[in-house]
Amino acid sequence: MRFWSIIIAIALLWGCHSEKKTLILVSKDNHSNIQKWLHKTDSTLDIREFYMIPNDSMNYYLLKADAIVLGGGEDIHPSMYGHNEYLGVCGEIDLFRDSIEQLLIHQSFRNKIPLFGICRGEQILNGATGGTLIPDIPSFLHTSINHRAESDSDHVVIFAENSWLKNLLKSDSVWVNSRHHQCIDKVAPGFIVAATAPDGVIESIRYADTLQQPFIAGVQWHPEGLLDEPSMKIAKLFLSYCRE
């Protein structure tokens, strides 16, 4: 009897330890805000900051990843979208980050991994797949909206008909924060616009072929900085695709 009790105990322990956690790679996560946002929905997630992973371990995590998040941060080098002449109006640039985020985007498309872009994340998703960016909104656009404001309700975004945001939030619009000076100009092939600001700045895109890529989308604002009901619904939707 004791022998079989030990065997059963070992089997139970093995089952507990072998249960796979959902692995999410976040390109870069300032102050761990993205991690806190996602953990607020599911505390069991295994979230790794890809920027901090040693180069010789990156491929291992890419092959294991269940989902990818591209976070906010520095400007994108304009050579990525064919406009080197924009360099003079760009702010700080991190070429290493540009390169690893392109790697993450490529992996998402190749293996149908859900991907969500936040602010810069939406911009590089667009720039790396054939779209272009406006490198500095104040220099290129006439608008009364301050897209680099400090409050949590800086401006409204308006959802396109039948967009993923309108269907998810059951609303025509939502108030958001705004922390950017670059934005999408020409939308990349295969993507559709899901939301805009009142001045026309694109606030969300999604890959249109959801059979080929179930969920690849981005937003220009920071849901991880709001943690309100719409932000948490976005997190839950994203994680639902990870588990599929």
Protein backbone atom coordinates (compact mmCIF):
# COMPACT_ATOMS: atom_id res chain seq x y z
CA MET A 1 0.00 0.00 0.00
CA ARG A 2 2.78 2.39 0.91
CA PHE A 3 4.45 1.79 -2.48
CA TRP A 4 1.29 2.76 -4.39
CA SER A 5 0.73 5.80 -2.14
CA ILE A 6 4.19 7.06 -3.07
CA ILE A 7 3.55 6.45 -6.79
CA ILE A 8 0.26 8.38 -6.65
CA ALA A 9 1.89 11.26 -4.75
CA ILE A 10 4.70 11.49 -7.34
CA ALA A 11 2.15 11.47 -10.18
CA LEU A 12 0.16 14.25 -8.57
CA LEU A 13 3.28 16.33 -7.99
CA TRP A 14 4.42 15.78 -11.58
CA GLY A 15 1.00 16.85 -12.85
CA CYS A 16 1.14 20.07 -10.85
CA HIS A 17 4.62 20.99 -11.99
CA SER A 18 4.12 20.02 -15.63
CA GLU A 19 1.04 22.21 -16.12
CA LYS A 20 2.06 24.79 -18.71
CA LYS A 21 1.55 28.43 -17.86
CA THR A 22 0.58 30.88 -20.58
CA LEU A 23 3.82 32.60 -21.66
CA ILE A 24 3.54 36.20 -22.81
CA LEU A 25 6.52 38.09 -24.20
CA VAL A 26 6.41 41.85 -23.64
CA SER A 27 8.93 43.69 -25.80
CA LYS A 28 9.67 46.30 -23.13
CA ASP A 29 7.65 47.14 -20.04
CA ASN A 30 8.36 50.44 -18.32
CA HIS A 31 7.62 50.18 -14.59
CA SER A 32 6.08 46.72 -15.23
CA ASN A 33 2.74 48.40 -16.02
CA ILE A 34 1.83 45.93 -18.78
CA GLN A 35 2.62 43.01 -16.51
CA LYS A 36 0.43 44.48 -13.74
CA TRP A 37 -2.41 45.10 -16.21
CA LEU A 38 -2.41 41.53 -17.53
CA HIS A 39 -1.87 39.98 -14.10
CA LYS A 40 -4.93 41.88 -12.88
CA THR A 41 -6.89 39.63 -15.25
CA ASP A 42 -4.88 36.43 -14.69
CA SER A 43 -2.27 36.21 -11.92
CA THR A 44 -0.92 32.88 -13.23
CA LEU A 45 0.54 34.28 -16.47
CA ASP A 46 4.25 33.84 -17.11
CA ILE A 47 5.26 37.27 -18.45
CA ARG A 48 8.81 37.92 -19.69
CA GLU A 49 10.33 41.20 -20.82
CA PHE A 50 11.96 40.27 -24.14
CA TYR A 51 14.29 43.28 -24.12
CA MET A 52 16.03 41.88 -21.02
CA ILE A 53 16.41 38.28 -22.29
CA PRO A 54 20.00 37.39 -23.36
CA ASN A 55 20.40 37.15 -27.13
CA ASP A 56 21.28 33.47 -27.01
CA SER A 57 18.00 32.69 -25.20
CA MET A 58 15.66 34.73 -27.39
CA ASN A 59 14.91 31.93 -29.85
CA TYR A 60 13.95 29.59 -27.00
CA TYR A 61 11.33 32.05 -25.70
CA LEU A 62 10.09 32.88 -29.19
CA LEU A 63 9.32 29.22 -29.78
CA LYS A 64 7.53 28.91 -26.41
CA ALA A 65 5.51 32.14 -26.58
CA ASP A 66 1.70 32.02 -26.46
CA ALA A 67 1.28 35.75 -27.06
CA ILE A 68 3.22 38.97 -27.64
CA VAL A 69 2.75 42.55 -26.44
CA LEU A 70 4.67 45.48 -27.95
CA GLY A 71 4.85 48.26 -25.39
CA GLY A 72 5.28 52.03 -25.56
CA GLY A 73 8.56 53.91 -25.56
CA GLU A 74 11.13 55.50 -27.85
CA ASP A 75 10.60 56.69 -31.43
CA ILE A 76 11.03 54.28 -34.33
CA HIS A 77 13.89 54.86 -36.75
CA PRO A 78 12.29 56.24 -39.94
CA SER A 79 14.46 54.05 -42.17
CA MET A 80 12.09 51.21 -41.25
CA TYR A 81 9.31 52.84 -43.26
CA GLY A 82 11.47 54.43 -45.94
CA HIS A 83 11.73 58.04 -44.71
CA ASN A 84 15.25 58.72 -43.50
CA GLU A 85 14.56 62.43 -44.01
CA TYR A 86 12.31 62.37 -40.93
CA LEU A 87 15.20 61.65 -38.58
CA GLY A 88 15.60 65.32 -37.61
CA VAL A 89 12.15 65.52 -35.99
CA CYS A 90 12.41 62.19 -34.18
CA GLY A 91 13.22 61.89 -30.50
CA GLU A 92 15.26 59.17 -28.79
CA ILE A 93 15.70 56.00 -30.88
CA ASP A 94 16.69 52.49 -29.76
CA LEU A 95 17.88 50.44 -32.74
CA PHE A 96 18.20 47.26 -30.68
CA ARG A 97 14.57 47.58 -29.62
CA ASP A 98 13.51 48.23 -33.23
CA SER A 99 15.25 45.01 -34.27
CA ILE A 100 13.83 42.73 -31.59
CA GLU A 101 10.31 44.06 -32.07
CA GLN A 102 10.53 43.31 -35.78
CA LEU A 103 11.60 39.80 -34.76
CA LEU A 104 8.54 39.50 -32.49
CA ILE A 105 6.20 40.73 -35.23
CA HIS A 106 7.68 38.24 -37.71
CA GLN A 107 7.22 35.41 -35.22
CA SER A 108 3.60 36.42 -34.61
CA PHE A 109 2.75 36.26 -38.31
CA ARG A 110 4.73 33.08 -38.93
CA ASN A 111 3.18 31.09 -36.06
CA LYS A 112 -0.24 32.77 -35.69
CA ILE A 113 0.66 34.08 -32.24
CA PRO A 114 -1.73 36.75 -30.86
CA LEU A 115 -0.05 40.16 -30.76
CA PHE A 116 -1.15 43.44 -29.20
CA GLY A 117 0.63 46.75 -29.80
CA ILE A 118 0.44 49.69 -27.39
CA CYS A 119 1.32 53.24 -28.54
CA ARG A 120 4.81 52.74 -30.04
CA GLY A 121 3.79 49.09 -30.35
CA GLU A 122 0.98 49.99 -32.74
CA GLN A 123 3.32 52.27 -34.68
CA ILE A 124 6.08 49.68 -35.18
CA LEU A 125 3.49 47.03 -36.04
CA ASN A 126 2.35 49.31 -38.86
CA GLY A 127 5.84 50.43 -39.92
CA ALA A 128 7.32 46.92 -39.94
CA THR A 129 4.55 45.52 -42.15
CA GLY A 130 4.62 48.07 -44.96
CA GLY A 131 2.89 51.15 -43.55
CA THR A 132 4.33 54.58 -42.75
CA LEU A 133 4.33 56.96 -39.80
CA ILE A 134 3.93 60.66 -39.16
CA PRO A 135 7.19 61.31 -37.26
CA ASP A 136 6.01 64.34 -35.28
CA ILE A 137 2.36 65.34 -35.00
CA PRO A 138 2.94 69.04 -34.12
CA SER A 139 5.24 69.44 -37.16
CA PHE A 140 3.02 67.64 -39.68
CA LEU A 141 -0.59 68.05 -38.55
CA HIS A 142 -2.80 71.02 -37.68
CA THR A 143 -4.81 69.86 -34.69
CA SER A 144 -6.26 71.29 -31.50
CA ILE A 145 -5.76 67.98 -29.67
CA ASN A 146 -2.68 67.61 -27.50
CA HIS A 147 -1.60 64.04 -28.18
CA ARG A 148 1.15 64.28 -25.58
CA ALA A 149 -0.93 65.21 -22.56
CA GLU A 150 -0.77 64.18 -18.90
CA SER A 151 -4.34 63.37 -17.84
CA ASP A 152 -6.13 60.02 -18.09
CA SER A 153 -8.97 61.48 -20.19
CA ASP A 154 -7.14 63.48 -22.84
CA HIS A 155 -9.48 62.98 -25.77
CA VAL A 156 -12.15 60.71 -27.15
CA VAL A 157 -11.55 57.98 -29.75
CA ILE A 158 -14.32 57.05 -32.17
CA PHE A 159 -14.77 53.43 -33.20
CA ALA A 160 -15.25 52.34 -36.80
CA GLU A 161 -18.42 50.41 -37.65
CA ASN A 162 -18.08 46.68 -36.92
CA SER A 163 -14.59 47.20 -35.50
CA TRP A 164 -13.22 44.90 -32.83
CA LEU A 165 -13.38 47.75 -30.29
CA LYS A 166 -16.98 48.66 -31.03
CA ASN A 167 -18.04 45.02 -30.83
CA LEU A 168 -16.10 44.48 -27.62
CA LEU A 169 -17.07 47.64 -25.74
CA LYS A 170 -20.63 47.97 -27.11
CA SER A 171 -20.04 51.69 -27.58
CA ASP A 172 -19.30 54.22 -30.31
CA SER A 173 -16.39 55.86 -28.48
CA VAL A 174 -14.30 55.97 -25.33
CA TRP A 175 -12.13 58.52 -23.53
CA VAL A 176 -8.42 57.65 -23.42
CA ASN A 177 -5.03 58.91 -22.30
CA SER A 178 -2.51 60.10 -24.88
CA ARG A 179 1.31 59.93 -24.62
CA HIS A 180 2.70 60.13 -28.15
CA HIS A 181 4.01 62.51 -30.80
CA GLN A 182 4.25 59.97 -33.64
CA CYS A 183 1.30 58.16 -35.22
CA ILE A 184 0.26 56.06 -38.21
CA ASP A 185 0.18 57.75 -41.61
CA LYS A 186 -0.35 55.16 -44.38
CA VAL A 187 -1.92 51.98 -43.01
CA ALA A 188 0.03 48.78 -43.74
CA PRO A 189 -1.39 46.31 -46.28
CA GLY A 190 -3.77 43.83 -44.70
CA PHE A 191 -4.69 46.10 -41.78
CA ILE A 192 -7.88 48.09 -41.25
CA VAL A 193 -8.55 51.13 -39.08
CA ALA A 194 -10.61 50.36 -35.97
CA ALA A 195 -10.64 53.80 -34.29
CA THR A 196 -9.63 57.42 -34.86
CA ALA A 197 -9.36 60.60 -32.82
CA PRO A 198 -11.64 63.53 -33.79
CA ASP A 199 -8.72 65.09 -35.70
CA GLY A 200 -8.28 61.97 -37.82
CA VAL A 201 -5.24 60.50 -36.04
CA ILE A 202 -5.48 56.71 -36.25
CA GLU A 203 -6.00 55.27 -32.77
CA SER A 204 -6.36 51.55 -33.50
CA ILE A 205 -5.66 49.06 -36.27
CA ARG A 206 -6.29 45.32 -36.65
CA TYR A 207 -5.14 42.72 -39.16
CA ALA A 208 -8.21 42.11 -41.31
CA ASP A 209 -7.83 38.40 -42.10
CA THR A 210 -8.81 36.87 -38.77
CA LEU A 211 -8.73 33.35 -40.23
CA GLN A 212 -5.06 33.73 -41.09
CA GLN A 213 -4.22 35.78 -37.96
CA PRO A 214 -6.92 35.54 -35.26
CA PHE A 215 -5.74 38.58 -33.28
CA ILE A 216 -3.08 41.09 -34.31
CA ALA A 217 -4.12 44.59 -33.28
CA GLY A 218 -2.87 47.80 -31.75
CA VAL A 219 -4.09 50.91 -29.97
CA GLN A 220 -2.45 54.31 -29.75
CA TRP A 221 -3.32 54.90 -26.09
CA HIS A 222 -2.15 53.10 -22.91
CA PRO A 223 -4.80 50.77 -21.45
CA GLU A 224 -2.23 49.55 -18.94
CA GLY A 225 -2.13 53.09 -17.55
CA LEU A 226 -5.90 53.37 -17.16
CA LEU A 227 -7.04 50.02 -15.71
CA ASP A 228 -10.66 51.10 -16.23
CA GLU A 229 -13.47 48.83 -17.44
CA PRO A 230 -12.73 49.23 -21.19
CA SER A 231 -9.01 48.56 -20.55
CA MET A 232 -9.74 45.38 -18.63
CA LYS A 233 -12.12 44.17 -21.34
CA ILE A 234 -9.32 44.62 -23.87
CA ALA A 235 -6.97 42.58 -21.65
CA LYS A 236 -9.53 39.78 -21.29
CA LEU A 237 -10.18 39.65 -25.03
CA PHE A 238 -6.46 39.49 -25.79
CA LEU A 239 -5.90 36.71 -23.25
CA SER A 240 -8.83 34.74 -24.64
CA TYR A 241 -6.97 34.50 -27.96
CA CYS A 242 -3.79 33.43 -26.13
CA ARG A 243 -5.61 30.42 -24.66
CA GLU A 244 -7.02 29.35 -28.01
